Amino acid sequence: ARVWLDLNCSQIGLAMSRSFGDHAVRLVGVIAEPVVSEHTLREEDEFMIIATDGVWEFLSSQVVVDIVARDLDNGLGSSVACQHLIEAAAAKWHEHEGDYRDDITALVVRVKELWGSSSPSSSSGKINN
């Protein structure tokens, strides 16, 4: 849905429910402050996924983790895992909304590689919040 600044729909209009830093339209329901959560990385963390709402709209957190973990466990790398995640999200949008879809942006980071771990353990499993 589009959110308009004025009743005549002639001024600023946004096709989203949130917009970083856009305080001009807060009176019509736009949330300018992002929702932020923190997670302290631990050595047992295998990877992290940073993604826009287009990824999460029709895929649960566990499904997203399973898609990425499967590819990483099979040695396909984070770029391929990310591509498969984006394709899965796009397929769900097509299934539910036809030709329309929201922005689908994702980043997969192998945390073990950042720490220089030489023998990563299996990355499949349950999500930790």
N, C-alpha and C. Protein backbone atom coordinates (compact mmCIF):
# COMPACT_ATOMS: atom_id res chain seq x y z
N ALA A 1 0.83 -1.18 0.00
CA ALA A 1 0.00 0.00 0.00
C ALA A 1 0.88 1.25 0.00
N ARG A 2 0.36 2.30 -0.57
CA ARG A 2 1.09 3.56 -0.62
C ARG A 2 0.62 4.45 0.53
N VAL A 3 1.57 5.07 1.20
CA VAL A 3 1.29 6.01 2.28
C VAL A 3 1.54 7.41 1.75
N TRP A 4 0.52 8.28 1.87
CA TRP A 4 0.62 9.64 1.35
C TRP A 4 0.74 10.64 2.49
N LEU A 5 1.48 11.71 2.27
CA LEU A 5 1.64 12.77 3.26
C LEU A 5 0.37 13.60 3.41
N ASP A 6 -0.36 13.80 2.33
CA ASP A 6 -1.56 14.64 2.38
C ASP A 6 -2.79 13.85 1.94
N LEU A 7 -3.97 14.36 2.30
CA LEU A 7 -5.22 13.67 1.98
C LEU A 7 -5.52 13.64 0.48
N ASN A 8 -5.00 14.62 -0.27
CA ASN A 8 -5.24 14.67 -1.72
C ASN A 8 -4.30 13.77 -2.51
N CYS A 9 -3.37 13.12 -1.82
CA CYS A 9 -2.40 12.23 -2.46
C CYS A 9 -1.58 12.95 -3.53
N SER A 10 -1.21 14.21 -3.22
CA SER A 10 -0.47 15.00 -4.21
C SER A 10 0.95 15.34 -3.76
N GLN A 11 1.28 15.03 -2.50
CA GLN A 11 2.62 15.33 -2.02
C GLN A 11 3.45 14.05 -1.95
N ILE A 12 4.23 13.90 -0.92
CA ILE A 12 5.11 12.74 -0.78
C ILE A 12 4.29 11.47 -0.61
N GLY A 13 4.65 10.44 -1.35
CA GLY A 13 4.00 9.13 -1.23
C GLY A 13 5.04 8.03 -1.17
N LEU A 14 4.85 7.10 -0.27
CA LEU A 14 5.78 5.98 -0.12
C LEU A 14 5.04 4.66 -0.34
N ALA A 15 5.64 3.74 -1.06
CA ALA A 15 5.06 2.42 -1.26
C ALA A 15 5.69 1.43 -0.28
N MET A 16 5.68 1.79 0.99
CA MET A 16 6.25 0.93 2.03
C MET A 16 5.72 1.36 3.38
N SER A 17 5.93 0.53 4.38
CA SER A 17 5.47 0.87 5.72
C SER A 17 6.58 1.48 6.56
N ARG A 18 7.83 1.33 6.16
CA ARG A 18 8.96 1.91 6.88
C ARG A 18 9.91 2.57 5.90
N SER A 19 10.58 3.58 6.36
CA SER A 19 11.60 4.24 5.54
C SER A 19 12.64 4.81 6.48
N PHE A 20 13.88 4.32 6.37
CA PHE A 20 14.95 4.80 7.25
C PHE A 20 15.07 6.31 7.20
N GLY A 21 14.96 6.94 8.33
CA GLY A 21 15.22 8.36 8.45
C GLY A 21 14.18 9.29 7.87
N ASP A 22 13.07 8.77 7.36
CA ASP A 22 12.07 9.62 6.71
C ASP A 22 11.05 10.10 7.74
N HIS A 23 11.42 11.14 8.47
CA HIS A 23 10.56 11.67 9.52
C HIS A 23 9.42 12.53 8.97
N ALA A 24 9.48 12.92 7.71
CA ALA A 24 8.47 13.81 7.13
C ALA A 24 7.08 13.18 7.11
N VAL A 25 7.00 11.86 7.04
CA VAL A 25 5.70 11.21 6.94
C VAL A 25 5.35 10.37 8.16
N ARG A 26 5.96 10.66 9.30
CA ARG A 26 5.68 9.89 10.51
C ARG A 26 4.23 10.06 10.97
N LEU A 27 3.61 11.19 10.66
CA LEU A 27 2.24 11.43 11.10
C LEU A 27 1.23 10.54 10.39
N VAL A 28 1.64 9.92 9.27
CA VAL A 28 0.73 9.03 8.56
C VAL A 28 1.13 7.56 8.72
N GLY A 29 1.97 7.29 9.71
CA GLY A 29 2.26 5.90 10.06
C GLY A 29 3.59 5.34 9.63
N VAL A 30 4.44 6.12 9.01
CA VAL A 30 5.75 5.61 8.59
C VAL A 30 6.68 5.58 9.79
N ILE A 31 7.37 4.48 9.96
CA ILE A 31 8.32 4.31 11.06
C ILE A 31 9.71 4.63 10.52
N ALA A 32 10.29 5.73 10.97
CA ALA A 32 11.58 6.17 10.44
C ALA A 32 12.76 5.50 11.14
N GLU A 33 12.53 4.97 12.33
CA GLU A 33 13.60 4.31 13.07
C GLU A 33 13.57 2.82 12.75
N PRO A 34 14.68 2.25 12.33
CA PRO A 34 14.70 0.82 11.99
C PRO A 34 14.55 -0.04 13.24
N VAL A 35 14.01 -1.23 13.06
CA VAL A 35 13.97 -2.22 14.12
C VAL A 35 15.32 -2.93 14.10
N VAL A 36 16.03 -2.86 15.23
CA VAL A 36 17.38 -3.40 15.29
C VAL A 36 17.44 -4.44 16.40
N SER A 37 18.06 -5.57 16.10
CA SER A 37 18.31 -6.56 17.14
C SER A 37 19.79 -6.89 17.13
N GLU A 38 20.29 -7.32 18.27
CA GLU A 38 21.72 -7.64 18.40
C GLU A 38 21.90 -9.11 18.72
N HIS A 39 22.97 -9.66 18.21
CA HIS A 39 23.37 -11.03 18.52
C HIS A 39 24.88 -11.03 18.63
N THR A 40 25.39 -11.43 19.75
CA THR A 40 26.83 -11.52 19.92
C THR A 40 27.32 -12.78 19.22
N LEU A 41 28.22 -12.62 18.27
CA LEU A 41 28.73 -13.77 17.55
C LEU A 41 29.58 -14.64 18.47
N ARG A 42 29.38 -15.95 18.34
CA ARG A 42 30.14 -16.93 19.12
C ARG A 42 30.88 -17.85 18.16
N GLU A 43 31.85 -18.55 18.66
CA GLU A 43 32.64 -19.44 17.80
C GLU A 43 31.80 -20.51 17.13
N GLU A 44 30.71 -20.92 17.76
CA GLU A 44 29.87 -21.97 17.16
C GLU A 44 28.95 -21.43 16.07
N ASP A 45 28.84 -20.12 15.92
CA ASP A 45 28.03 -19.56 14.84
C ASP A 45 28.71 -19.85 13.50
N GLU A 46 27.95 -20.37 12.56
CA GLU A 46 28.49 -20.75 11.25
C GLU A 46 28.37 -19.62 10.23
N PHE A 47 27.21 -18.97 10.20
CA PHE A 47 26.96 -17.94 9.19
C PHE A 47 25.90 -16.98 9.70
N MET A 48 25.81 -15.83 9.03
CA MET A 48 24.71 -14.92 9.31
C MET A 48 24.09 -14.50 7.99
N ILE A 49 22.81 -14.21 8.07
CA ILE A 49 22.04 -13.80 6.90
C ILE A 49 21.46 -12.42 7.20
N ILE A 50 21.77 -11.47 6.34
CA ILE A 50 21.20 -10.14 6.43
C ILE A 50 20.34 -9.97 5.18
N ALA A 51 19.06 -9.65 5.37
CA ALA A 51 18.17 -9.61 4.21
C ALA A 51 17.04 -8.60 4.40
N THR A 52 16.53 -8.12 3.29
CA THR A 52 15.40 -7.20 3.31
C THR A 52 14.10 -7.97 3.54
N ASP A 53 13.03 -7.24 3.78
CA ASP A 53 11.75 -7.87 4.09
C ASP A 53 11.20 -8.71 2.95
N GLY A 54 11.64 -8.49 1.75
CA GLY A 54 11.20 -9.31 0.63
C GLY A 54 11.60 -10.77 0.78
N VAL A 55 12.68 -11.03 1.49
CA VAL A 55 13.10 -12.41 1.76
C VAL A 55 12.19 -13.03 2.81
N TRP A 56 11.88 -12.28 3.85
CA TRP A 56 11.17 -12.82 5.01
C TRP A 56 9.65 -12.85 4.85
N GLU A 57 9.11 -12.21 3.82
CA GLU A 57 7.66 -12.11 3.67
C GLU A 57 6.98 -13.48 3.63
N PHE A 58 7.53 -14.41 2.88
CA PHE A 58 6.89 -15.72 2.70
C PHE A 58 7.78 -16.89 3.14
N LEU A 59 8.97 -16.60 3.64
CA LEU A 59 9.88 -17.66 4.12
C LEU A 59 10.13 -17.46 5.61
N SER A 60 9.99 -18.52 6.38
CA SER A 60 10.27 -18.43 7.81
C SER A 60 11.78 -18.37 8.03
N SER A 61 12.17 -17.94 9.22
CA SER A 61 13.60 -17.89 9.55
C SER A 61 14.23 -19.27 9.42
N GLN A 62 13.51 -20.31 9.88
CA GLN A 62 14.07 -21.66 9.80
C GLN A 62 14.26 -22.12 8.37
N VAL A 63 13.30 -21.82 7.49
CA VAL A 63 13.43 -22.19 6.08
C VAL A 63 14.63 -21.49 5.45
N VAL A 64 14.79 -20.21 5.76
CA VAL A 64 15.93 -19.45 5.23
C VAL A 64 17.24 -20.07 5.69
N VAL A 65 17.34 -20.38 6.98
CA VAL A 65 18.55 -21.01 7.51
C VAL A 65 18.79 -22.36 6.83
N ASP A 66 17.73 -23.14 6.64
CA ASP A 66 17.87 -24.45 6.00
C ASP A 66 18.39 -24.34 4.57
N ILE A 67 17.89 -23.37 3.83
CA ILE A 67 18.33 -23.17 2.44
C ILE A 67 19.82 -22.85 2.41
N VAL A 68 20.24 -21.91 3.23
CA VAL A 68 21.65 -21.50 3.25
C VAL A 68 22.53 -22.62 3.79
N ALA A 69 22.13 -23.27 4.88
CA ALA A 69 22.93 -24.34 5.49
C ALA A 69 23.15 -25.49 4.51
N ARG A 70 22.11 -25.86 3.76
CA ARG A 70 22.22 -26.96 2.80
C ARG A 70 23.33 -26.68 1.78
N ASP A 71 23.31 -25.47 1.24
CA ASP A 71 24.33 -25.14 0.23
C ASP A 71 25.72 -25.05 0.84
N LEU A 72 25.83 -24.46 2.02
CA LEU A 72 27.15 -24.36 2.66
C LEU A 72 27.67 -25.73 3.04
N ASP A 73 26.80 -26.60 3.55
CA ASP A 73 27.21 -27.96 3.90
C ASP A 73 27.68 -28.75 2.68
N ASN A 74 27.11 -28.41 1.52
CA ASN A 74 27.50 -29.09 0.27
C ASN A 74 28.69 -28.42 -0.41
N GLY A 75 29.30 -27.45 0.26
CA GLY A 75 30.50 -26.81 -0.26
C GLY A 75 30.26 -25.83 -1.40
N LEU A 76 29.05 -25.34 -1.54
CA LEU A 76 28.74 -24.46 -2.67
C LEU A 76 29.13 -23.00 -2.44
N GLY A 77 29.41 -22.62 -1.21
CA GLY A 77 29.85 -21.27 -0.92
C GLY A 77 28.71 -20.31 -0.65
N SER A 78 29.05 -19.18 -0.04
CA SER A 78 28.04 -18.23 0.38
C SER A 78 27.37 -17.51 -0.79
N SER A 79 28.08 -17.29 -1.89
CA SER A 79 27.46 -16.62 -3.04
C SER A 79 26.36 -17.47 -3.65
N VAL A 80 26.62 -18.77 -3.80
CA VAL A 80 25.61 -19.67 -4.35
C VAL A 80 24.45 -19.82 -3.37
N ALA A 81 24.76 -19.93 -2.08
CA ALA A 81 23.71 -20.04 -1.06
C ALA A 81 22.81 -18.80 -1.10
N CYS A 82 23.42 -17.65 -1.23
CA CYS A 82 22.68 -16.40 -1.30
C CYS A 82 21.80 -16.36 -2.55
N GLN A 83 22.34 -16.79 -3.69
CA GLN A 83 21.56 -16.82 -4.92
C GLN A 83 20.36 -17.75 -4.79
N HIS A 84 20.58 -18.93 -4.20
CA HIS A 84 19.47 -19.87 -4.02
C HIS A 84 18.42 -19.32 -3.06
N LEU A 85 18.85 -18.59 -2.04
CA LEU A 85 17.91 -17.95 -1.12
C LEU A 85 17.05 -16.92 -1.85
N ILE A 86 17.69 -16.08 -2.65
CA ILE A 86 16.97 -15.06 -3.41
C ILE A 86 15.99 -15.71 -4.39
N GLU A 87 16.42 -16.78 -5.05
CA GLU A 87 15.53 -17.50 -5.98
C GLU A 87 14.33 -18.11 -5.26
N ALA A 88 14.57 -18.66 -4.06
CA ALA A 88 13.46 -19.24 -3.29
C ALA A 88 12.47 -18.16 -2.87
N ALA A 89 12.98 -17.02 -2.42
CA ALA A 89 12.11 -15.91 -2.03
C ALA A 89 11.31 -15.41 -3.24
N ALA A 90 11.96 -15.26 -4.38
CA ALA A 90 11.28 -14.80 -5.60
C ALA A 90 10.20 -15.78 -6.03
N ALA A 91 10.47 -17.08 -5.90
CA ALA A 91 9.48 -18.10 -6.27
C ALA A 91 8.25 -18.01 -5.36
N LYS A 92 8.47 -17.76 -4.07
CA LYS A 92 7.34 -17.62 -3.14
C LYS A 92 6.53 -16.37 -3.46
N TRP A 93 7.21 -15.28 -3.79
CA TRP A 93 6.49 -14.07 -4.19
C TRP A 93 5.63 -14.36 -5.42
N HIS A 94 6.19 -15.06 -6.40
CA HIS A 94 5.45 -15.38 -7.62
C HIS A 94 4.24 -16.26 -7.29
N GLU A 95 4.44 -17.22 -6.41
CA GLU A 95 3.35 -18.11 -5.99
C GLU A 95 2.21 -17.35 -5.34
N HIS A 96 2.54 -16.37 -4.50
CA HIS A 96 1.53 -15.65 -3.74
C HIS A 96 1.02 -14.38 -4.41
N GLU A 97 1.87 -13.71 -5.20
CA GLU A 97 1.52 -12.38 -5.72
C GLU A 97 1.58 -12.26 -7.24
N GLY A 98 1.86 -13.34 -7.94
CA GLY A 98 1.95 -13.26 -9.40
C GLY A 98 3.21 -12.53 -9.83
N ASP A 99 3.05 -11.55 -10.69
CA ASP A 99 4.21 -10.83 -11.23
C ASP A 99 4.78 -9.78 -10.29
N TYR A 100 4.05 -9.44 -9.22
CA TYR A 100 4.54 -8.42 -8.28
C TYR A 100 5.46 -9.06 -7.25
N ARG A 101 6.53 -8.35 -6.87
CA ARG A 101 7.34 -8.77 -5.73
C ARG A 101 8.04 -7.56 -5.12
N ASP A 102 8.30 -7.68 -3.85
CA ASP A 102 9.00 -6.65 -3.10
C ASP A 102 10.50 -6.78 -3.39
N ASP A 103 11.25 -5.81 -2.92
CA ASP A 103 12.70 -5.88 -3.03
C ASP A 103 13.20 -7.12 -2.30
N ILE A 104 14.05 -7.89 -2.96
CA ILE A 104 14.65 -9.09 -2.37
C ILE A 104 16.16 -8.92 -2.43
N THR A 105 16.73 -8.57 -1.29
CA THR A 105 18.17 -8.38 -1.19
C THR A 105 18.68 -9.20 -0.02
N ALA A 106 19.79 -9.90 -0.21
CA ALA A 106 20.32 -10.74 0.87
C ALA A 106 21.83 -10.76 0.84
N LEU A 107 22.39 -11.02 2.00
CA LEU A 107 23.83 -11.16 2.17
C LEU A 107 24.05 -12.35 3.09
N VAL A 108 24.90 -13.28 2.67
CA VAL A 108 25.26 -14.44 3.49
C VAL A 108 26.74 -14.32 3.83
N VAL A 109 27.05 -14.35 5.12
CA VAL A 109 28.44 -14.23 5.56
C VAL A 109 28.81 -15.48 6.35
N ARG A 110 29.88 -16.15 5.92
CA ARG A 110 30.40 -17.31 6.66
C ARG A 110 31.22 -16.79 7.83
N VAL A 111 30.68 -16.88 9.02
CA VAL A 111 31.34 -16.35 10.21
C VAL A 111 32.61 -17.14 10.52
N LYS A 112 32.59 -18.44 10.35
CA LYS A 112 33.78 -19.25 10.64
C LYS A 112 34.98 -18.78 9.81
N GLU A 113 34.74 -18.39 8.58
CA GLU A 113 35.83 -17.92 7.72
C GLU A 113 36.39 -16.59 8.22
N LEU A 114 35.56 -15.79 8.83
CA LEU A 114 36.04 -14.52 9.38
C LEU A 114 37.00 -14.74 10.53
N TRP A 115 36.75 -15.81 11.31
CA TRP A 115 37.61 -16.12 12.44
C TRP A 115 38.79 -16.99 12.05
N GLY A 116 38.83 -17.43 10.80
CA GLY A 116 39.95 -18.25 10.34
C GLY A 116 39.89 -19.68 10.80
N SER A 117 38.71 -20.19 11.10
CA SER A 117 38.56 -21.58 11.53
C SER A 117 38.92 -22.49 10.37
N SER A 118 39.74 -23.49 10.64
CA SER A 118 40.17 -24.39 9.57
C SER A 118 39.24 -25.56 9.37
N SER A 119 38.39 -25.86 10.33
CA SER A 119 37.49 -27.00 10.18
C SER A 119 36.09 -26.66 10.67
N PRO A 120 35.31 -26.00 9.83
CA PRO A 120 33.95 -25.64 10.25
C PRO A 120 33.11 -26.88 10.47
N SER A 121 32.31 -26.85 11.52
CA SER A 121 31.40 -27.96 11.77
C SER A 121 30.18 -27.82 10.90
N SER A 122 29.29 -28.78 10.99
CA SER A 122 28.07 -28.75 10.19
C SER A 122 27.29 -27.48 10.46
N SER A 123 26.77 -26.85 9.41
CA SER A 123 26.04 -25.60 9.58
C SER A 123 24.54 -25.81 9.60
N SER A 124 24.08 -27.06 9.53
CA SER A 124 22.64 -27.28 9.59
C SER A 124 22.19 -27.26 11.05
N GLY A 125 20.90 -27.07 11.24
CA GLY A 125 20.37 -27.09 12.59
C GLY A 125 19.35 -26.01 12.81
N LYS A 126 19.00 -25.84 14.05
CA LYS A 126 17.98 -24.87 14.43
C LYS A 126 18.58 -23.48 14.52
N ILE A 127 17.74 -22.49 14.37
CA ILE A 127 18.19 -21.12 14.49
C ILE A 127 18.32 -20.77 15.96
N ASN A 128 19.24 -19.88 16.26
CA ASN A 128 19.41 -19.37 17.62
C ASN A 128 19.09 -17.90 17.63
N ASN A 129 18.16 -17.50 18.45
CA ASN A 129 17.80 -16.09 18.55
C ASN A 129 18.34 -15.51 19.81
